[in-house]
Amino acid sequence: MFNDAHFKAREMIETVKINAKENLKVPGIVPKFSKTPGKIKWAGLGLGANNKEIYQEMLAFSDEELDKMKKDGII
């Protein structure tokens, strides 16, 4: 798909900057309208950005449990 001429012509794979050094290939906007084609403005929050909210506020993990999961490479 990344090298397919039709996909390239329709901009079906777009490159979005995720930080100062990295880009991410993502699916393009579908459908494509001539007057309002749509645009991907950002890739979203970084990996793990909501860990504290999810693991501690929603799942009630302690600071120690969260730190251990980080240390063990689980999250």
PDB file of N, CA and C in Angstrom:
ATOM      1  N   MET A   1       0.818  -1.197   0.000  1.00  0.00           N
ATOM      2  CA  MET A   1       0.000   0.000   0.000  1.00  0.00           C
ATOM      3  C   MET A   1       0.862   1.262   0.000  1.00  0.00           C
ATOM      4  N   PHE A   2       1.954   1.234   0.757  1.00  0.00           N
ATOM      5  CA  PHE A   2       2.772   2.433   0.862  1.00  0.00           C
ATOM      6  C   PHE A   2       3.357   2.855  -0.490  1.00  0.00           C
ATOM      7  N   ASN A   3       3.550   1.899  -1.389  1.00  0.00           N
ATOM      8  CA  ASN A   3       4.141   2.206  -2.693  1.00  0.00           C
ATOM      9  C   ASN A   3       3.131   2.193  -3.823  1.00  0.00           C
ATOM     10  N   ASP A   4       1.871   1.929  -3.536  1.00  0.00           N
ATOM     11  CA  ASP A   4       0.832   1.843  -4.560  1.00  0.00           C
ATOM     12  C   ASP A   4       0.520   3.231  -5.122  1.00  0.00           C
ATOM     13  N   ALA A   5       0.535   3.358  -6.441  1.00  0.00           N
ATOM     14  CA  ALA A   5       0.320   4.646  -7.102  1.00  0.00           C
ATOM     15  C   ALA A   5      -1.049   5.232  -6.773  1.00  0.00           C
ATOM     16  N   HIS A   6      -2.071   4.384  -6.737  1.00  0.00           N
ATOM     17  CA  HIS A   6      -3.422   4.870  -6.437  1.00  0.00           C
ATOM     18  C   HIS A   6      -3.502   5.400  -4.997  1.00  0.00           C
ATOM     19  N   PHE A   7      -2.940   4.671  -4.048  1.00  0.00           N
ATOM     20  CA  PHE A   7      -2.933   5.129  -2.663  1.00  0.00           C
ATOM     21  C   PHE A   7      -2.198   6.464  -2.543  1.00  0.00           C
ATOM     22  N   LYS A   8      -1.072   6.585  -3.241  1.00  0.00           N
ATOM     23  CA  LYS A   8      -0.312   7.840  -3.200  1.00  0.00           C
ATOM     24  C   LYS A   8      -1.115   8.981  -3.813  1.00  0.00           C
ATOM     25  N   ALA A   9      -1.733   8.741  -4.959  1.00  0.00           N
ATOM     26  CA  ALA A   9      -2.507   9.781  -5.640  1.00  0.00           C
ATOM     27  C   ALA A   9      -3.679  10.257  -4.784  1.00  0.00           C
ATOM     28  N   ARG A  10      -4.305   9.347  -4.039  1.00  0.00           N
ATOM     29  CA  ARG A  10      -5.450   9.687  -3.193  1.00  0.00           C
ATOM     30  C   ARG A  10      -5.035  10.127  -1.791  1.00  0.00           C
ATOM     31  N   GLU A  11      -3.710  10.175  -1.534  1.00  0.00           N
ATOM     32  CA  GLU A  11      -3.167  10.548  -0.232  1.00  0.00           C
ATOM     33  C   GLU A  11      -3.796   9.707   0.884  1.00  0.00           C
ATOM     34  N   MET A  12      -3.830   8.386   0.650  1.00  0.00           N
ATOM     35  CA  MET A  12      -4.454   7.475   1.598  1.00  0.00           C
ATOM     36  C   MET A  12      -3.524   7.091   2.755  1.00  0.00           C
ATOM     37  N   ILE A  13      -2.255   7.384   2.628  1.00  0.00           N
ATOM     38  CA  ILE A  13      -1.307   7.222   3.721  1.00  0.00           C
ATOM     39  C   ILE A  13      -0.660   8.585   3.925  1.00  0.00           C
ATOM     40  N   GLU A  14      -0.852   9.152   5.112  1.00  0.00           N
ATOM     41  CA  GLU A  14      -0.293  10.465   5.404  1.00  0.00           C
ATOM     42  C   GLU A  14       0.784  10.344   6.478  1.00  0.00           C
ATOM     43  N   THR A  15       1.685  11.298   6.501  1.00  0.00           N
ATOM     44  CA  THR A  15       2.740  11.341   7.499  1.00  0.00           C
ATOM     45  C   THR A  15       2.423  12.465   8.476  1.00  0.00           C
ATOM     46  N   VAL A  16       2.379  12.116   9.764  1.00  0.00           N
ATOM     47  CA  VAL A  16       2.071  13.085  10.821  1.00  0.00           C
ATOM     48  C   VAL A  16       3.253  13.151  11.774  1.00  0.00           C
ATOM     49  N   LYS A  17       3.655  14.354  12.130  1.00  0.00           N
ATOM     50  CA  LYS A  17       4.760  14.545  13.080  1.00  0.00           C
ATOM     51  C   LYS A  17       4.267  14.180  14.480  1.00  0.00           C
ATOM     52  N   ILE A  18       5.010  13.301  15.185  1.00  0.00           N
ATOM     53  CA  ILE A  18       4.616  12.928  16.540  1.00  0.00           C
ATOM     54  C   ILE A  18       5.496  13.588  17.604  1.00  0.00           C
ATOM     55  N   ASN A  19       6.678  14.024  17.222  1.00  0.00           N
ATOM     56  CA  ASN A  19       7.541  14.826  18.099  1.00  0.00           C
ATOM     57  C   ASN A  19       8.599  15.464  17.199  1.00  0.00           C
ATOM     58  N   ALA A  20       9.569  16.111  17.818  1.00  0.00           N
ATOM     59  CA  ALA A  20      10.573  16.845  17.036  1.00  0.00           C
ATOM     60  C   ALA A  20      11.399  15.956  16.113  1.00  0.00           C
ATOM     61  N   LYS A  21      11.516  14.653  16.458  1.00  0.00           N
ATOM     62  CA  LYS A  21      12.380  13.765  15.681  1.00  0.00           C
ATOM     63  C   LYS A  21      11.653  12.675  14.912  1.00  0.00           C
ATOM     64  N   GLU A  22      10.381  12.425  15.231  1.00  0.00           N
ATOM     65  CA  GLU A  22       9.705  11.266  14.653  1.00  0.00           C
ATOM     66  C   GLU A  22       8.412  11.622  13.928  1.00  0.00           C
ATOM     67  N   ASN A  23       8.140  10.839  12.899  1.00  0.00           N
ATOM     68  CA  ASN A  23       6.894  10.937  12.143  1.00  0.00           C
ATOM     69  C   ASN A  23       6.171   9.597  12.216  1.00  0.00           C
ATOM     70  N   LEU A  24       4.883   9.626  11.951  1.00  0.00           N
ATOM     71  CA  LEU A  24       4.064   8.432  11.987  1.00  0.00           C
ATOM     72  C   LEU A  24       3.226   8.372  10.726  1.00  0.00           C
ATOM     73  N   LYS A  25       3.213   7.215  10.065  1.00  0.00           N
ATOM     74  CA  LYS A  25       2.362   7.020   8.899  1.00  0.00           C
ATOM     75  C   LYS A  25       0.982   6.601   9.395  1.00  0.00           C
ATOM     76  N   VAL A  26      -0.068   7.297   8.926  1.00  0.00           N
ATOM     77  CA  VAL A  26      -1.435   7.019   9.353  1.00  0.00           C
ATOM     78  C   VAL A  26      -2.355   6.961   8.140  1.00  0.00           C
ATOM     79  N   PRO A  27      -3.514   6.301   8.279  1.00  0.00           N
ATOM     80  CA  PRO A  27      -4.476   6.303   7.178  1.00  0.00           C
ATOM     81  C   PRO A  27      -4.955   7.725   6.890  1.00  0.00           C
ATOM     82  N   GLY A  28      -5.130   8.038   5.622  1.00  0.00           N
ATOM     83  CA  GLY A  28      -5.609   9.356   5.226  1.00  0.00           C
ATOM     84  C   GLY A  28      -7.100   9.515   5.497  1.00  0.00           C
ATOM     85  N   ILE A  29      -7.599  10.720   5.291  1.00  0.00           N
ATOM     86  CA  ILE A  29      -9.004  11.046   5.516  1.00  0.00           C
ATOM     87  C   ILE A  29      -9.864  10.453   4.393  1.00  0.00           C
ATOM     88  N   VAL A  30     -10.938   9.785   4.793  1.00  0.00           N
ATOM     89  CA  VAL A  30     -11.900   9.200   3.841  1.00  0.00           C
ATOM     90  C   VAL A  30     -13.286   9.586   4.309  1.00  0.00           C
ATOM     91  N   PRO A  31     -14.179  10.007   3.466  1.00  0.00           N
ATOM     92  CA  PRO A  31     -13.991  10.274   2.045  1.00  0.00           C
ATOM     93  C   PRO A  31     -13.310  11.618   1.823  1.00  0.00           C
ATOM     94  N   LYS A  32     -12.855  11.839   0.604  1.00  0.00           N
ATOM     95  CA  LYS A  32     -12.217  13.097   0.246  1.00  0.00           C
ATOM     96  C   LYS A  32     -13.239  13.947  -0.509  1.00  0.00           C
ATOM     97  N   PHE A  33     -13.549  15.097   0.051  1.00  0.00           N
ATOM     98  CA  PHE A  33     -14.477  16.029  -0.590  1.00  0.00           C
ATOM     99  C   PHE A  33     -13.692  17.168  -1.222  1.00  0.00           C
ATOM    100  N   SER A  34     -14.147  17.663  -2.353  1.00  0.00           N
ATOM    101  CA  SER A  34     -13.402  18.704  -3.066  1.00  0.00           C
ATOM    102  C   SER A  34     -13.367  20.020  -2.300  1.00  0.00           C
ATOM    103  N   LYS A  35     -14.453  20.394  -1.637  1.00  0.00           N
ATOM    104  CA  LYS A  35     -14.495  21.677  -0.932  1.00  0.00           C
ATOM    105  C   LYS A  35     -14.066  21.570   0.532  1.00  0.00           C
ATOM    106  N   THR A  36     -14.221  20.409   1.120  1.00  0.00           N
ATOM    107  CA  THR A  36     -13.821  20.200   2.518  1.00  0.00           C
ATOM    108  C   THR A  36     -13.090  18.867   2.620  1.00  0.00           C
ATOM    109  N   PRO A  37     -11.834  18.819   2.158  1.00  0.00           N
ATOM    110  CA  PRO A  37     -11.124  17.545   2.070  1.00  0.00           C
ATOM    111  C   PRO A  37     -10.710  16.923   3.404  1.00  0.00           C
ATOM    112  N   GLY A  38     -10.731  17.685   4.465  1.00  0.00           N
ATOM    113  CA  GLY A  38     -10.305  17.157   5.760  1.00  0.00           C
ATOM    114  C   GLY A  38      -8.797  17.214   5.902  1.00  0.00           C
ATOM    115  N   LYS A  39      -8.349  17.181   7.156  1.00  0.00           N
ATOM    116  CA  LYS A  39      -6.917  17.296   7.415  1.00  0.00           C
ATOM    117  C   LYS A  39      -6.607  16.659   8.762  1.00  0.00           C
ATOM    118  N   ILE A  40      -5.507  15.942   8.839  1.00  0.00           N
ATOM    119  CA  ILE A  40      -5.034  15.398  10.105  1.00  0.00           C
ATOM    120  C   ILE A  40      -4.138  16.463  10.720  1.00  0.00           C
ATOM    121  N   LYS A  41      -4.545  16.969  11.875  1.00  0.00           N
ATOM    122  CA  LYS A  41      -3.812  18.074  12.498  1.00  0.00           C
ATOM    123  C   LYS A  41      -2.731  17.614  13.457  1.00  0.00           C
ATOM    124  N   TRP A  42      -2.921  16.462  14.103  1.00  0.00           N
ATOM    125  CA  TRP A  42      -1.923  15.953  15.043  1.00  0.00           C
ATOM    126  C   TRP A  42      -2.153  14.474  15.265  1.00  0.00           C
ATOM    127  N   ALA A  43      -1.147  13.801  15.779  1.00  0.00           N
ATOM    128  CA  ALA A  43      -1.206  12.350  15.943  1.00  0.00           C
ATOM    129  C   ALA A  43      -1.861  11.922  17.247  1.00  0.00           C
ATOM    130  N   GLY A  44      -2.175  12.859  18.100  1.00  0.00           N
ATOM    131  CA  GLY A  44      -2.761  12.513  19.390  1.00  0.00           C
ATOM    132  C   GLY A  44      -1.711  12.554  20.486  1.00  0.00           C
ATOM    133  N   LEU A  45      -2.139  12.205  21.675  1.00  0.00           N
ATOM    134  CA  LEU A  45      -1.229  12.215  22.822  1.00  0.00           C
ATOM    135  C   LEU A  45      -0.167  11.141  22.676  1.00  0.00           C
ATOM    136  N   GLY A  46       0.959  11.362  23.316  1.00  0.00           N
ATOM    137  CA  GLY A  46       2.057  10.405  23.272  1.00  0.00           C
ATOM    138  C   GLY A  46       1.736   9.119  24.014  1.00  0.00           C
ATOM    139  N   LEU A  47       2.467   8.083  23.689  1.00  0.00           N
ATOM    140  CA  LEU A  47       2.306   6.780  24.321  1.00  0.00           C
ATOM    141  C   LEU A  47       2.459   6.917  25.836  1.00  0.00           C
ATOM    142  N   GLY A  48       1.466   6.454  26.571  1.00  0.00           N
ATOM    143  CA  GLY A  48       1.506   6.499  28.026  1.00  0.00           C
ATOM    144  C   GLY A  48       1.045   7.804  28.641  1.00  0.00           C
ATOM    145  N   ALA A  49       0.605   8.750  27.825  1.00  0.00           N
ATOM    146  CA  ALA A  49       0.210  10.064  28.344  1.00  0.00           C
ATOM    147  C   ALA A  49      -0.923   9.989  29.359  1.00  0.00           C
ATOM    148  N   ASN A  50      -1.776   8.997  29.259  1.00  0.00           N
ATOM    149  CA  ASN A  50      -2.908   8.869  30.171  1.00  0.00           C
ATOM    150  C   ASN A  50      -2.743   7.740  31.187  1.00  0.00           C
ATOM    151  N   ASN A  51      -1.530   7.218  31.330  1.00  0.00           N
ATOM    152  CA  ASN A  51      -1.313   6.098  32.246  1.00  0.00           C
ATOM    153  C   ASN A  51      -1.768   6.398  33.671  1.00  0.00           C
ATOM    154  N   LYS A  52      -1.396   7.547  34.199  1.00  0.00           N
ATOM    155  CA  LYS A  52      -1.744   7.882  35.579  1.00  0.00           C
ATOM    156  C   LYS A  52      -3.265   7.911  35.746  1.00  0.00           C
ATOM    157  N   GLU A  53      -3.936   8.569  34.833  1.00  0.00           N
ATOM    158  CA  GLU A  53      -5.398   8.655  34.897  1.00  0.00           C
ATOM    159  C   GLU A  53      -6.042   7.267  34.835  1.00  0.00           C
ATOM    160  N   ILE A  54      -5.593   6.450  33.906  1.00  0.00           N
ATOM    161  CA  ILE A  54      -6.189   5.118  33.736  1.00  0.00           C
ATOM    162  C   ILE A  54      -5.857   4.205  34.901  1.00  0.00           C
ATOM    163  N   TYR A  55      -4.567   4.027  35.177  1.00  0.00           N
ATOM    164  CA  TYR A  55      -4.148   3.052  36.183  1.00  0.00           C
ATOM    165  C   TYR A  55      -4.449   3.479  37.618  1.00  0.00           C
ATOM    166  N   GLN A  56      -4.345   4.774  37.902  1.00  0.00           N
ATOM    167  CA  GLN A  56      -4.539   5.195  39.284  1.00  0.00           C
ATOM    168  C   GLN A  56      -5.955   5.697  39.553  1.00  0.00           C
ATOM    169  N   GLU A  57      -6.458   6.585  38.719  1.00  0.00           N
ATOM    170  CA  GLU A  57      -7.778   7.142  38.978  1.00  0.00           C
ATOM    171  C   GLU A  57      -8.909   6.169  38.640  1.00  0.00           C
ATOM    172  N   MET A  58      -8.758   5.417  37.568  1.00  0.00           N
ATOM    173  CA  MET A  58      -9.830   4.504  37.163  1.00  0.00           C
ATOM    174  C   MET A  58      -9.669   3.101  37.744  1.00  0.00           C
ATOM    175  N   LEU A  59      -8.425   2.606  37.817  1.00  0.00           N
ATOM    176  CA  LEU A  59      -8.189   1.234  38.261  1.00  0.00           C
ATOM    177  C   LEU A  59      -7.638   1.142  39.685  1.00  0.00           C
ATOM    178  N   ALA A  60      -7.395   2.285  40.305  1.00  0.00           N
ATOM    179  CA  ALA A  60      -6.976   2.371  41.708  1.00  0.00           C
ATOM    180  C   ALA A  60      -5.641   1.696  42.023  1.00  0.00           C
ATOM    181  N   PHE A  61      -4.696   1.705  41.063  1.00  0.00           N
ATOM    182  CA  PHE A  61      -3.345   1.229  41.354  1.00  0.00           C
ATOM    183  C   PHE A  61      -2.631   2.280  42.198  1.00  0.00           C
ATOM    184  N   SER A  62      -1.762   1.847  43.086  1.00  0.00           N
ATOM    185  CA  SER A  62      -0.990   2.769  43.928  1.00  0.00           C
ATOM    186  C   SER A  62       0.197   3.330  43.138  1.00  0.00           C
ATOM    187  N   ASP A  63       0.839   4.351  43.722  1.00  0.00           N
ATOM    188  CA  ASP A  63       2.060   4.904  43.112  1.00  0.00           C
ATOM    189  C   ASP A  63       3.119   3.814  42.969  1.00  0.00           C
ATOM    190  N   GLU A  64       3.240   2.980  43.998  1.00  0.00           N
ATOM    191  CA  GLU A  64       4.231   1.905  43.990  1.00  0.00           C
ATOM    192  C   GLU A  64       3.951   0.896  42.870  1.00  0.00           C
ATOM    193  N   GLU A  65       2.682   0.533  42.696  1.00  0.00           N
ATOM    194  CA  GLU A  65       2.321  -0.423  41.638  1.00  0.00           C
ATOM    195  C   GLU A  65       2.596   0.172  40.256  1.00  0.00           C
ATOM    196  N   LEU A  66       2.262   1.439  40.098  1.00  0.00           N
ATOM    197  CA  LEU A  66       2.514   2.107  38.817  1.00  0.00           C
ATOM    198  C   LEU A  66       4.013   2.181  38.537  1.00  0.00           C
ATOM    199  N   ASP A  67       4.798   2.545  39.546  1.00  0.00           N
ATOM    200  CA  ASP A  67       6.256   2.605  39.391  1.00  0.00           C
ATOM    201  C   ASP A  67       6.836   1.236  39.040  1.00  0.00           C
ATOM    202  N   LYS A  68       6.330   0.184  39.684  1.00  0.00           N
ATOM    203  CA  LYS A  68       6.821  -1.170  39.403  1.00  0.00           C
ATOM    204  C   LYS A  68       6.487  -1.577  37.971  1.00  0.00           C
ATOM    205  N   MET A  69       5.288  -1.271  37.503  1.00  0.00           N
ATOM    206  CA  MET A  69       4.917  -1.604  36.121  1.00  0.00           C
ATOM    207  C   MET A  69       5.819  -0.874  35.131  1.00  0.00           C
ATOM    208  N   LYS A  70       6.143   0.384  35.426  1.00  0.00           N
ATOM    209  CA  LYS A  70       7.058   1.140  34.566  1.00  0.00           C
ATOM    210  C   LYS A  70       8.444   0.496  34.573  1.00  0.00           C
ATOM    211  N   LYS A  71       8.945   0.178  35.791  1.00  0.00           N
ATOM    212  CA  LYS A  71      10.267  -0.425  35.944  1.00  0.00           C
ATOM    213  C   LYS A  71      10.356  -1.765  35.239  1.00  0.00           C
ATOM    214  N   ASP A  72       9.307  -2.568  35.327  1.00  0.00           N
ATOM    215  CA  ASP A  72       9.281  -3.901  34.717  1.00  0.00           C
ATOM    216  C   ASP A  72       8.983  -3.867  33.214  1.00  0.00           C
ATOM    217  N   GLY A  73       8.768  -2.679  32.652  1.00  0.00           N
ATOM    218  CA  GLY A  73       8.505  -2.562  31.218  1.00  0.00           C
ATOM    219  C   GLY A  73       7.109  -2.993  30.811  1.00  0.00           C
ATOM    220  N   ILE A  74       6.193  -3.078  31.776  1.00  0.00           N
ATOM    221  CA  ILE A  74       4.815  -3.451  31.463  1.00  0.00           C
ATOM    222  C   ILE A  74       4.090  -2.296  30.798  1.00  0.00           C
ATOM    223  N   ILE A  75       4.380  -1.100  31.278  1.00  0.00           N
ATOM    224  CA  ILE A  75       3.786   0.107  30.671  1.00  0.00           C
ATOM    225  C   ILE A  75       4.883   1.109  30.402  1.00  0.00           C
TER     226      ILE A  75
END
